[in-house]
Amino acid sequence: MFCPFCRHSDSRVVDSRATDDGSAIRRRRQCPECDRRFTTIEVATLSVVKRSGVIEPFSRAKVVNGLRKACQGRPVTDDDLALLAQKVEEAVRASGAAAVDSHEVGLATLAPLRELDEVAYLRFASVYRSYESLEDFESEISLLRTARELGDVSVAIATKGDKSVEDGSEK
């Protein structure tokens, strides 16, 4: 690592700590050339493989933007969206994979969004699952009602419109 002060190509680690949420490591470094100290933060990269095959870095902001569209006109705050995006990132990172399909990011979004706002969930699911008819919406609403009665979020999320669940290929 280059020293930001003198551009020396080496430094030694003086102190290392995990951040509060454990998603990064904060390292305090010292340059042997100029003796100045500086801090670096190391974060494991997470990549998303899109349907087209293009690989891009995971972006919490992109998740928030997608959620914002689904939550437009709903009583959902920016803090709610930020927290939901954090939950999505944590769920995706929990898989342990360095790269995940965009489909998995969408699946990780459904459960916390359903808990936050059912109308926003229905909007998001309709785009994510490509609803094509009124029957698709009616079926999803029926599942939401059943889930509400049973108090089980997974009923509505894992049973309708997800081809990987329907054909048994769920990971």
N, C-alpha and C. Protein backbone atom coordinates (compact mmCIF):
# COMPACT_ATOMS: atom_id res chain seq x y z
N MET A 1 0.84 -1.18 0.00
CA MET A 1 0.00 0.00 0.00
C MET A 1 0.89 1.23 0.00
N PHE A 2 0.62 2.15 -0.90
CA PHE A 2 1.39 3.39 -0.99
C PHE A 2 1.00 4.35 0.14
N CYS A 3 2.02 5.01 0.69
CA CYS A 3 1.78 6.04 1.70
C CYS A 3 1.14 7.24 0.99
N PRO A 4 0.02 7.76 1.52
CA PRO A 4 -0.64 8.90 0.86
C PRO A 4 0.14 10.21 1.02
N PHE A 5 1.15 10.22 1.89
CA PHE A 5 1.91 11.45 2.13
C PHE A 5 3.19 11.52 1.30
N CYS A 6 3.96 10.42 1.30
CA CYS A 6 5.25 10.46 0.59
C CYS A 6 5.31 9.49 -0.59
N ARG A 7 4.24 8.74 -0.81
CA ARG A 7 4.12 7.77 -1.91
C ARG A 7 5.09 6.60 -1.80
N HIS A 8 5.65 6.38 -0.61
CA HIS A 8 6.51 5.21 -0.40
C HIS A 8 5.66 3.96 -0.61
N SER A 9 6.27 2.94 -1.20
CA SER A 9 5.49 1.77 -1.63
C SER A 9 5.23 0.75 -0.53
N ASP A 10 5.66 1.02 0.68
CA ASP A 10 5.47 0.04 1.75
C ASP A 10 4.90 0.72 2.99
N SER A 11 4.22 -0.05 3.80
CA SER A 11 3.73 0.44 5.10
C SER A 11 3.55 -0.76 6.00
N ARG A 12 3.52 -0.50 7.29
CA ARG A 12 3.28 -1.62 8.21
C ARG A 12 1.99 -1.37 8.97
N VAL A 13 1.31 -2.45 9.29
CA VAL A 13 0.04 -2.37 10.00
C VAL A 13 0.33 -2.23 11.49
N VAL A 14 -0.19 -1.16 12.09
CA VAL A 14 0.00 -0.89 13.51
C VAL A 14 -1.16 -1.47 14.31
N ASP A 15 -2.37 -1.38 13.75
CA ASP A 15 -3.57 -1.84 14.46
C ASP A 15 -4.61 -2.30 13.44
N SER A 16 -5.33 -3.36 13.77
CA SER A 16 -6.40 -3.88 12.90
C SER A 16 -7.64 -4.15 13.74
N ARG A 17 -8.80 -3.69 13.25
CA ARG A 17 -10.06 -3.92 13.96
C ARG A 17 -11.19 -4.09 12.96
N ALA A 18 -12.14 -4.92 13.35
CA ALA A 18 -13.36 -5.04 12.54
C ALA A 18 -14.23 -3.83 12.83
N THR A 19 -14.96 -3.37 11.82
CA THR A 19 -15.90 -2.26 12.03
C THR A 19 -17.05 -2.75 12.89
N ASP A 20 -17.89 -1.82 13.34
CA ASP A 20 -18.99 -2.16 14.23
C ASP A 20 -19.90 -3.24 13.68
N ASP A 21 -20.23 -3.14 12.39
CA ASP A 21 -21.14 -4.13 11.82
C ASP A 21 -20.41 -5.36 11.28
N GLY A 22 -19.08 -5.37 11.35
CA GLY A 22 -18.30 -6.52 10.94
C GLY A 22 -18.13 -6.68 9.45
N SER A 23 -18.55 -5.71 8.68
CA SER A 23 -18.50 -5.84 7.22
C SER A 23 -17.17 -5.36 6.62
N ALA A 24 -16.32 -4.77 7.45
CA ALA A 24 -15.05 -4.26 6.94
C ALA A 24 -14.00 -4.33 8.05
N ILE A 25 -12.75 -4.19 7.63
CA ILE A 25 -11.64 -4.17 8.58
C ILE A 25 -10.95 -2.81 8.47
N ARG A 26 -10.79 -2.18 9.61
CA ARG A 26 -10.11 -0.88 9.68
C ARG A 26 -8.68 -1.15 10.10
N ARG A 27 -7.74 -0.69 9.30
CA ARG A 27 -6.33 -0.88 9.61
C ARG A 27 -5.63 0.47 9.77
N ARG A 28 -4.88 0.59 10.83
CA ARG A 28 -4.06 1.77 11.08
C ARG A 28 -2.66 1.40 10.60
N ARG A 29 -2.11 2.18 9.69
CA ARG A 29 -0.81 1.87 9.08
C ARG A 29 0.19 2.99 9.36
N GLN A 30 1.48 2.62 9.29
CA GLN A 30 2.54 3.60 9.48
C GLN A 30 3.57 3.42 8.36
N CYS A 31 3.97 4.52 7.79
CA CYS A 31 4.96 4.52 6.72
C CYS A 31 6.37 4.48 7.33
N PRO A 32 7.22 3.54 6.92
CA PRO A 32 8.58 3.48 7.46
C PRO A 32 9.48 4.61 6.94
N GLU A 33 9.07 5.23 5.85
CA GLU A 33 9.87 6.30 5.23
C GLU A 33 9.64 7.64 5.94
N CYS A 34 8.39 8.07 6.08
CA CYS A 34 8.10 9.39 6.67
C CYS A 34 7.53 9.30 8.09
N ASP A 35 7.28 8.10 8.57
CA ASP A 35 6.76 7.83 9.92
C ASP A 35 5.35 8.35 10.18
N ARG A 36 4.65 8.75 9.15
CA ARG A 36 3.28 9.24 9.34
C ARG A 36 2.32 8.06 9.33
N ARG A 37 1.19 8.26 10.00
CA ARG A 37 0.18 7.20 10.09
C ARG A 37 -1.04 7.55 9.25
N PHE A 38 -1.70 6.52 8.76
CA PHE A 38 -2.93 6.69 7.99
C PHE A 38 -3.80 5.46 8.18
N THR A 39 -5.06 5.61 7.85
CA THR A 39 -6.04 4.54 8.05
C THR A 39 -6.54 4.02 6.71
N THR A 40 -6.69 2.71 6.63
CA THR A 40 -7.32 2.10 5.46
C THR A 40 -8.50 1.27 5.93
N ILE A 41 -9.47 1.12 5.07
CA ILE A 41 -10.63 0.29 5.37
C ILE A 41 -10.75 -0.74 4.25
N GLU A 42 -10.75 -2.00 4.63
CA GLU A 42 -10.83 -3.08 3.66
C GLU A 42 -12.21 -3.71 3.70
N VAL A 43 -12.80 -3.84 2.53
CA VAL A 43 -14.13 -4.43 2.40
C VAL A 43 -14.07 -5.53 1.35
N ALA A 44 -14.64 -6.68 1.65
CA ALA A 44 -14.71 -7.76 0.67
C ALA A 44 -15.67 -7.36 -0.44
N THR A 45 -15.26 -7.55 -1.67
CA THR A 45 -16.11 -7.17 -2.79
C THR A 45 -17.19 -8.22 -3.02
N LEU A 46 -18.33 -7.77 -3.45
CA LEU A 46 -19.45 -8.63 -3.78
C LEU A 46 -19.90 -8.25 -5.17
N SER A 47 -19.96 -9.22 -6.06
CA SER A 47 -20.35 -8.95 -7.45
C SER A 47 -21.72 -9.53 -7.74
N VAL A 48 -22.42 -8.88 -8.65
CA VAL A 48 -23.74 -9.33 -9.08
C VAL A 48 -23.65 -9.70 -10.55
N VAL A 49 -24.12 -10.92 -10.87
CA VAL A 49 -24.15 -11.37 -12.25
C VAL A 49 -25.55 -11.10 -12.78
N LYS A 50 -25.64 -10.20 -13.74
CA LYS A 50 -26.94 -9.82 -14.30
C LYS A 50 -27.42 -10.88 -15.29
N ARG A 51 -28.68 -10.80 -15.67
CA ARG A 51 -29.25 -11.77 -16.62
C ARG A 51 -28.46 -11.83 -17.92
N SER A 52 -27.93 -10.70 -18.34
CA SER A 52 -27.18 -10.64 -19.59
C SER A 52 -25.79 -11.26 -19.47
N GLY A 53 -25.39 -11.60 -18.24
CA GLY A 53 -24.06 -12.16 -18.01
C GLY A 53 -23.04 -11.13 -17.58
N VAL A 54 -23.41 -9.86 -17.64
CA VAL A 54 -22.51 -8.78 -17.22
C VAL A 54 -22.34 -8.86 -15.70
N ILE A 55 -21.11 -8.68 -15.25
CA ILE A 55 -20.82 -8.71 -13.82
C ILE A 55 -20.52 -7.28 -13.37
N GLU A 56 -21.19 -6.87 -12.29
CA GLU A 56 -20.94 -5.53 -11.75
C GLU A 56 -20.90 -5.61 -10.23
N PRO A 57 -20.26 -4.65 -9.58
CA PRO A 57 -20.20 -4.66 -8.12
C PRO A 57 -21.59 -4.46 -7.52
N PHE A 58 -21.83 -5.12 -6.38
CA PHE A 58 -23.10 -4.93 -5.68
C PHE A 58 -23.20 -3.48 -5.27
N SER A 59 -24.38 -2.90 -5.46
CA SER A 59 -24.60 -1.50 -5.10
C SER A 59 -25.84 -1.39 -4.23
N ARG A 60 -25.62 -1.02 -2.98
CA ARG A 60 -26.75 -0.81 -2.07
C ARG A 60 -27.63 0.32 -2.59
N ALA A 61 -27.01 1.33 -3.20
CA ALA A 61 -27.76 2.47 -3.76
C ALA A 61 -28.70 2.01 -4.87
N LYS A 62 -28.27 1.05 -5.65
CA LYS A 62 -29.11 0.53 -6.73
C LYS A 62 -30.32 -0.21 -6.16
N VAL A 63 -30.11 -0.93 -5.07
CA VAL A 63 -31.22 -1.61 -4.39
C VAL A 63 -32.20 -0.57 -3.87
N VAL A 64 -31.69 0.48 -3.24
CA VAL A 64 -32.55 1.55 -2.70
C VAL A 64 -33.35 2.20 -3.82
N ASN A 65 -32.73 2.46 -4.97
CA ASN A 65 -33.44 3.08 -6.09
C ASN A 65 -34.59 2.21 -6.58
N GLY A 66 -34.35 0.90 -6.68
CA GLY A 66 -35.41 -0.01 -7.09
C GLY A 66 -36.54 -0.06 -6.08
N LEU A 67 -36.18 -0.05 -4.81
CA LEU A 67 -37.19 -0.06 -3.74
C LEU A 67 -37.96 1.25 -3.71
N ARG A 68 -37.27 2.34 -3.97
CA ARG A 68 -37.92 3.66 -3.95
C ARG A 68 -39.05 3.71 -4.98
N LYS A 69 -38.84 3.11 -6.14
CA LYS A 69 -39.88 3.08 -7.17
C LYS A 69 -41.09 2.28 -6.68
N ALA A 70 -40.83 1.15 -6.03
CA ALA A 70 -41.93 0.32 -5.53
C ALA A 70 -42.66 1.00 -4.38
N CYS A 71 -41.95 1.82 -3.62
CA CYS A 71 -42.53 2.47 -2.43
C CYS A 71 -43.05 3.87 -2.71
N GLN A 72 -43.02 4.31 -3.96
CA GLN A 72 -43.47 5.65 -4.30
C GLN A 72 -44.92 5.85 -3.87
N GLY A 73 -45.15 6.93 -3.12
CA GLY A 73 -46.49 7.24 -2.64
C GLY A 73 -46.91 6.45 -1.41
N ARG A 74 -46.02 5.64 -0.88
CA ARG A 74 -46.31 4.84 0.32
C ARG A 74 -45.66 5.50 1.53
N PRO A 75 -46.15 5.20 2.73
CA PRO A 75 -45.58 5.80 3.94
C PRO A 75 -44.28 5.10 4.36
N VAL A 76 -43.27 5.17 3.50
CA VAL A 76 -41.98 4.54 3.75
C VAL A 76 -40.91 5.62 3.70
N THR A 77 -40.07 5.69 4.73
CA THR A 77 -39.04 6.73 4.80
C THR A 77 -37.75 6.28 4.12
N ASP A 78 -36.87 7.23 3.88
CA ASP A 78 -35.56 6.92 3.32
C ASP A 78 -34.77 6.03 4.28
N ASP A 79 -34.94 6.24 5.58
CA ASP A 79 -34.27 5.40 6.57
C ASP A 79 -34.76 3.96 6.47
N ASP A 80 -36.06 3.78 6.25
CA ASP A 80 -36.62 2.44 6.07
C ASP A 80 -35.98 1.76 4.86
N LEU A 81 -35.84 2.51 3.78
CA LEU A 81 -35.26 1.96 2.55
C LEU A 81 -33.79 1.61 2.76
N ALA A 82 -33.06 2.47 3.46
CA ALA A 82 -31.64 2.21 3.72
C ALA A 82 -31.48 0.96 4.58
N LEU A 83 -32.32 0.81 5.59
CA LEU A 83 -32.26 -0.36 6.45
C LEU A 83 -32.62 -1.63 5.68
N LEU A 84 -33.62 -1.53 4.82
CA LEU A 84 -34.02 -2.67 4.01
C LEU A 84 -32.89 -3.07 3.06
N ALA A 85 -32.24 -2.10 2.44
CA ALA A 85 -31.12 -2.38 1.54
C ALA A 85 -29.97 -3.03 2.30
N GLN A 86 -29.76 -2.61 3.54
CA GLN A 86 -28.72 -3.22 4.37
C GLN A 86 -29.06 -4.68 4.64
N LYS A 87 -30.34 -4.96 4.95
CA LYS A 87 -30.77 -6.34 5.18
C LYS A 87 -30.56 -7.20 3.94
N VAL A 88 -30.86 -6.62 2.78
CA VAL A 88 -30.66 -7.34 1.52
C VAL A 88 -29.19 -7.67 1.33
N GLU A 89 -28.33 -6.68 1.55
CA GLU A 89 -26.89 -6.92 1.39
C GLU A 89 -26.40 -7.97 2.37
N GLU A 90 -26.85 -7.91 3.62
CA GLU A 90 -26.44 -8.90 4.61
C GLU A 90 -26.89 -10.29 4.21
N ALA A 91 -28.12 -10.41 3.70
CA ALA A 91 -28.63 -11.71 3.27
C ALA A 91 -27.83 -12.27 2.10
N VAL A 92 -27.49 -11.40 1.16
CA VAL A 92 -26.74 -11.85 -0.01
C VAL A 92 -25.31 -12.21 0.39
N ARG A 93 -24.69 -11.41 1.25
CA ARG A 93 -23.33 -11.72 1.72
C ARG A 93 -23.30 -13.00 2.55
N ALA A 94 -24.40 -13.31 3.23
CA ALA A 94 -24.46 -14.50 4.07
C ALA A 94 -24.32 -15.78 3.25
N SER A 95 -24.58 -15.70 1.96
CA SER A 95 -24.42 -16.87 1.10
C SER A 95 -22.95 -17.28 1.01
N GLY A 96 -22.06 -16.34 1.26
CA GLY A 96 -20.63 -16.64 1.24
C GLY A 96 -20.02 -16.61 -0.14
N ALA A 97 -20.82 -16.39 -1.16
CA ALA A 97 -20.32 -16.36 -2.52
C ALA A 97 -19.76 -14.98 -2.86
N ALA A 98 -18.73 -14.97 -3.69
CA ALA A 98 -18.14 -13.69 -4.12
C ALA A 98 -18.99 -13.04 -5.20
N ALA A 99 -19.77 -13.87 -5.92
CA ALA A 99 -20.65 -13.35 -6.98
C ALA A 99 -22.01 -14.03 -6.85
N VAL A 100 -23.07 -13.24 -6.95
CA VAL A 100 -24.43 -13.77 -6.86
C VAL A 100 -25.23 -13.31 -8.06
N ASP A 101 -26.24 -14.10 -8.42
CA ASP A 101 -27.12 -13.72 -9.52
C ASP A 101 -28.02 -12.58 -9.09
N SER A 102 -28.40 -11.74 -10.03
CA SER A 102 -29.32 -10.65 -9.72
C SER A 102 -30.65 -11.22 -9.22
N HIS A 103 -30.98 -12.42 -9.65
CA HIS A 103 -32.19 -13.10 -9.20
C HIS A 103 -32.16 -13.30 -7.68
N GLU A 104 -30.99 -13.66 -7.15
CA GLU A 104 -30.86 -13.87 -5.70
C GLU A 104 -31.01 -12.55 -4.94
N VAL A 105 -30.54 -11.47 -5.53
CA VAL A 105 -30.71 -10.15 -4.89
C VAL A 105 -32.21 -9.83 -4.82
N GLY A 106 -32.93 -10.11 -5.90
CA GLY A 106 -34.38 -9.89 -5.91
C GLY A 106 -35.09 -10.73 -4.87
N LEU A 107 -34.71 -12.01 -4.76
CA LEU A 107 -35.32 -12.88 -3.75
C LEU A 107 -35.04 -12.38 -2.34
N ALA A 108 -33.81 -11.91 -2.11
CA ALA A 108 -33.44 -11.39 -0.79
C ALA A 108 -34.20 -10.12 -0.46
N THR A 109 -34.72 -9.44 -1.46
CA THR A 109 -35.46 -8.20 -1.27
C THR A 109 -36.91 -8.46 -0.86
N LEU A 110 -37.48 -9.55 -1.34
CA LEU A 110 -38.91 -9.78 -1.16
C LEU A 110 -39.36 -9.88 0.30
N ALA A 111 -38.70 -10.69 1.11
CA ALA A 111 -39.16 -10.90 2.50
C ALA A 111 -39.15 -9.61 3.33
N PRO A 112 -38.03 -8.87 3.37
CA PRO A 112 -38.06 -7.65 4.18
C PRO A 112 -39.01 -6.59 3.63
N LEU A 113 -39.18 -6.55 2.30
CA LEU A 113 -40.12 -5.59 1.72
C LEU A 113 -41.55 -5.96 2.07
N ARG A 114 -41.86 -7.23 2.08
CA ARG A 114 -43.20 -7.72 2.45
C ARG A 114 -43.53 -7.30 3.88
N GLU A 115 -42.52 -7.38 4.77
CA GLU A 115 -42.72 -6.98 6.17
C GLU A 115 -42.89 -5.47 6.29
N LEU A 116 -42.22 -4.72 5.43
CA LEU A 116 -42.26 -3.26 5.50
C LEU A 116 -43.58 -2.70 4.97
N ASP A 117 -43.98 -3.13 3.78
CA ASP A 117 -45.19 -2.58 3.16
C ASP A 117 -45.70 -3.56 2.11
N GLU A 118 -46.91 -4.07 2.31
CA GLU A 118 -47.46 -5.09 1.41
C GLU A 118 -47.74 -4.54 0.01
N VAL A 119 -48.17 -3.29 -0.09
CA VAL A 119 -48.45 -2.71 -1.41
C VAL A 119 -47.14 -2.55 -2.19
N ALA A 120 -46.11 -2.06 -1.53
CA ALA A 120 -44.81 -1.92 -2.19
C ALA A 120 -44.28 -3.30 -2.58
N TYR A 121 -44.49 -4.29 -1.72
CA TYR A 121 -44.09 -5.66 -2.04
C TYR A 121 -44.78 -6.14 -3.31
N LEU A 122 -46.08 -5.90 -3.39
CA LEU A 122 -46.85 -6.33 -4.56
C LEU A 122 -46.34 -5.63 -5.83
N ARG A 123 -46.04 -4.36 -5.72
CA ARG A 123 -45.49 -3.62 -6.87
C ARG A 123 -44.15 -4.21 -7.31
N PHE A 124 -43.27 -4.42 -6.33
CA PHE A 124 -41.94 -4.95 -6.63
C PHE A 124 -42.05 -6.36 -7.21
N ALA A 125 -42.86 -7.19 -6.58
CA ALA A 125 -43.02 -8.57 -7.05
C ALA A 125 -43.60 -8.62 -8.45
N SER A 126 -44.51 -7.70 -8.77
CA SER A 126 -45.13 -7.71 -10.09
C SER A 126 -44.11 -7.44 -11.19
N VAL A 127 -43.14 -6.60 -10.92
CA VAL A 127 -42.09 -6.33 -11.90
C VAL A 127 -41.05 -7.44 -11.87
N TYR A 128 -40.64 -7.83 -10.67
CA TYR A 128 -39.60 -8.84 -10.50
C TYR A 128 -40.03 -10.18 -11.10
N ARG A 129 -41.29 -10.53 -10.90
CA ARG A 129 -41.79 -11.82 -11.39
C ARG A 129 -42.53 -11.71 -12.72
N SER A 130 -42.53 -10.53 -13.32
CA SER A 130 -43.12 -10.30 -14.65
C SER A 130 -44.57 -10.74 -14.74
N TYR A 131 -45.41 -10.20 -13.86
CA TYR A 131 -46.84 -10.51 -13.94
C TYR A 131 -47.39 -10.03 -15.27
N GLU A 132 -48.20 -10.88 -15.89
CA GLU A 132 -48.73 -10.55 -17.20
C GLU A 132 -50.25 -10.43 -17.23
N SER A 133 -50.90 -10.84 -16.14
CA SER A 133 -52.37 -10.81 -16.16
C SER A 133 -52.92 -10.45 -14.78
N LEU A 134 -54.18 -10.15 -14.78
CA LEU A 134 -54.88 -9.84 -13.54
C LEU A 134 -54.87 -11.05 -12.60
N GLU A 135 -54.92 -12.24 -13.18
CA GLU A 135 -54.90 -13.47 -12.38
C GLU A 135 -53.60 -13.60 -11.59
N ASP A 136 -52.49 -13.14 -12.17
CA ASP A 136 -51.22 -13.18 -11.45
C ASP A 136 -51.29 -12.32 -10.19
N PHE A 137 -51.88 -11.13 -10.33
CA PHE A 137 -52.04 -10.25 -9.17
C PHE A 137 -53.00 -10.86 -8.14
N GLU A 138 -54.12 -11.40 -8.62
CA GLU A 138 -55.10 -12.00 -7.71
C GLU A 138 -54.49 -13.16 -6.94
N SER A 139 -53.72 -13.96 -7.62
CA SER A 139 -53.07 -15.09 -6.97
C SER A 139 -52.08 -14.61 -5.90
N GLU A 140 -51.30 -13.60 -6.22
CA GLU A 140 -50.34 -13.06 -5.25
C GLU A 140 -51.06 -12.45 -4.05
N ILE A 141 -52.13 -11.73 -4.29
CA ILE A 141 -52.90 -11.13 -3.19
C ILE A 141 -53.49 -12.23 -2.32
N SER A 142 -53.96 -13.29 -2.93
CA SER A 142 -54.49 -14.43 -2.17
C SER A 142 -53.41 -15.03 -1.28
N LEU A 143 -52.20 -15.16 -1.82
CA LEU A 143 -51.08 -15.68 -1.02
C LEU A 143 -50.73 -14.72 0.12
N LEU A 144 -50.79 -13.43 -0.15
CA LEU A 144 -50.52 -12.44 0.90
C LEU A 144 -51.55 -12.56 2.03
N ARG A 145 -52.80 -12.74 1.66
CA ARG A 145 -53.85 -12.89 2.68
C ARG A 145 -53.63 -14.15 3.50
N THR A 146 -53.30 -15.24 2.83
CA THR A 146 -53.03 -16.50 3.53
C THR A 146 -51.85 -16.33 4.47
N ALA A 147 -50.80 -15.69 3.99
CA ALA A 147 -49.62 -15.47 4.82
C ALA A 147 -49.95 -14.61 6.03
N ARG A 148 -50.78 -13.60 5.83
CA ARG A 148 -51.17 -12.72 6.94
C ARG A 148 -51.95 -13.52 7.98
N GLU A 149 -52.86 -14.37 7.52
CA GLU A 149 -53.65 -15.18 8.45
C GLU A 149 -52.78 -16.16 9.22
N LEU A 150 -51.79 -16.73 8.53
CA LEU A 150 -50.91 -17.71 9.18
C LEU A 150 -49.73 -17.04 9.89
N GLY A 151 -49.53 -15.75 9.61
CA GLY A 151 -48.39 -15.05 10.20
C GLY A 151 -47.07 -15.54 9.64
N ASP A 152 -47.08 -16.04 8.39
CA ASP A 152 -45.89 -16.63 7.79
C ASP A 152 -45.54 -15.91 6.49
N VAL A 153 -44.48 -15.11 6.52
CA VAL A 153 -44.05 -14.35 5.35
C VAL A 153 -43.61 -15.27 4.22
N SER A 154 -42.98 -16.40 4.56
CA SER A 154 -42.43 -17.27 3.53
C SER A 154 -43.49 -17.87 2.63
N VAL A 155 -44.73 -17.99 3.09
CA VAL A 155 -45.81 -18.53 2.25
C VAL A 155 -45.96 -17.69 1.00
N ALA A 156 -46.03 -16.39 1.15
CA ALA A 156 -46.24 -15.51 0.00
C ALA A 156 -45.00 -15.38 -0.85
N ILE A 157 -43.85 -15.56 -0.26
CA ILE A 157 -42.62 -15.28 -0.99
C ILE A 157 -42.14 -16.48 -1.79
N ALA A 158 -42.20 -17.66 -1.23
CA ALA A 158 -41.56 -18.80 -1.87
C ALA A 158 -42.49 -19.65 -2.72
N THR A 159 -43.74 -19.27 -2.87
CA THR A 159 -44.65 -20.18 -3.56
C THR A 159 -45.19 -19.69 -4.88
N LYS A 160 -45.16 -18.40 -5.15
CA LYS A 160 -45.83 -17.90 -6.34
C LYS A 160 -44.87 -17.21 -7.29
N GLY A 161 -44.92 -17.66 -8.55
CA GLY A 161 -44.25 -16.92 -9.60
C GLY A 161 -42.75 -17.09 -9.68
N ASP A 162 -42.16 -17.86 -8.80
CA ASP A 162 -40.72 -18.04 -8.83
C ASP A 162 -40.44 -19.36 -9.54
N LYS A 163 -39.97 -19.27 -10.75
CA LYS A 163 -39.75 -20.46 -11.57
C LYS A 163 -38.82 -21.45 -10.89
N SER A 164 -37.81 -20.97 -10.15
CA SER A 164 -36.88 -21.89 -9.51
C SER A 164 -37.56 -22.70 -8.43
N VAL A 165 -38.59 -22.15 -7.78
CA VAL A 165 -39.34 -22.90 -6.77
C VAL A 165 -40.29 -23.86 -7.46
N GLU A 166 -40.95 -23.37 -8.52
CA GLU A 166 -41.94 -24.19 -9.20
C GLU A 166 -41.33 -25.41 -9.87
N ASP A 167 -40.12 -25.28 -10.43
CA ASP A 167 -39.52 -26.42 -11.11
C ASP A 167 -38.56 -27.19 -10.21
N GLY A 168 -38.47 -26.79 -8.92
CA GLY A 168 -37.67 -27.52 -7.95
C GLY A 168 -36.18 -27.21 -8.01
N SER A 169 -35.79 -26.18 -8.72
CA SER A 169 -34.37 -25.88 -8.86
C SER A 169 -33.88 -24.82 -7.89
N GLU A 170 -34.66 -24.55 -6.85
CA GLU A 170 -34.25 -23.52 -5.88
C GLU A 170 -32.94 -23.91 -5.24
N LYS A 171 -32.07 -22.92 -5.08
CA LYS A 171 -30.73 -23.18 -4.53
C LYS A 171 -30.78 -23.19 -3.04
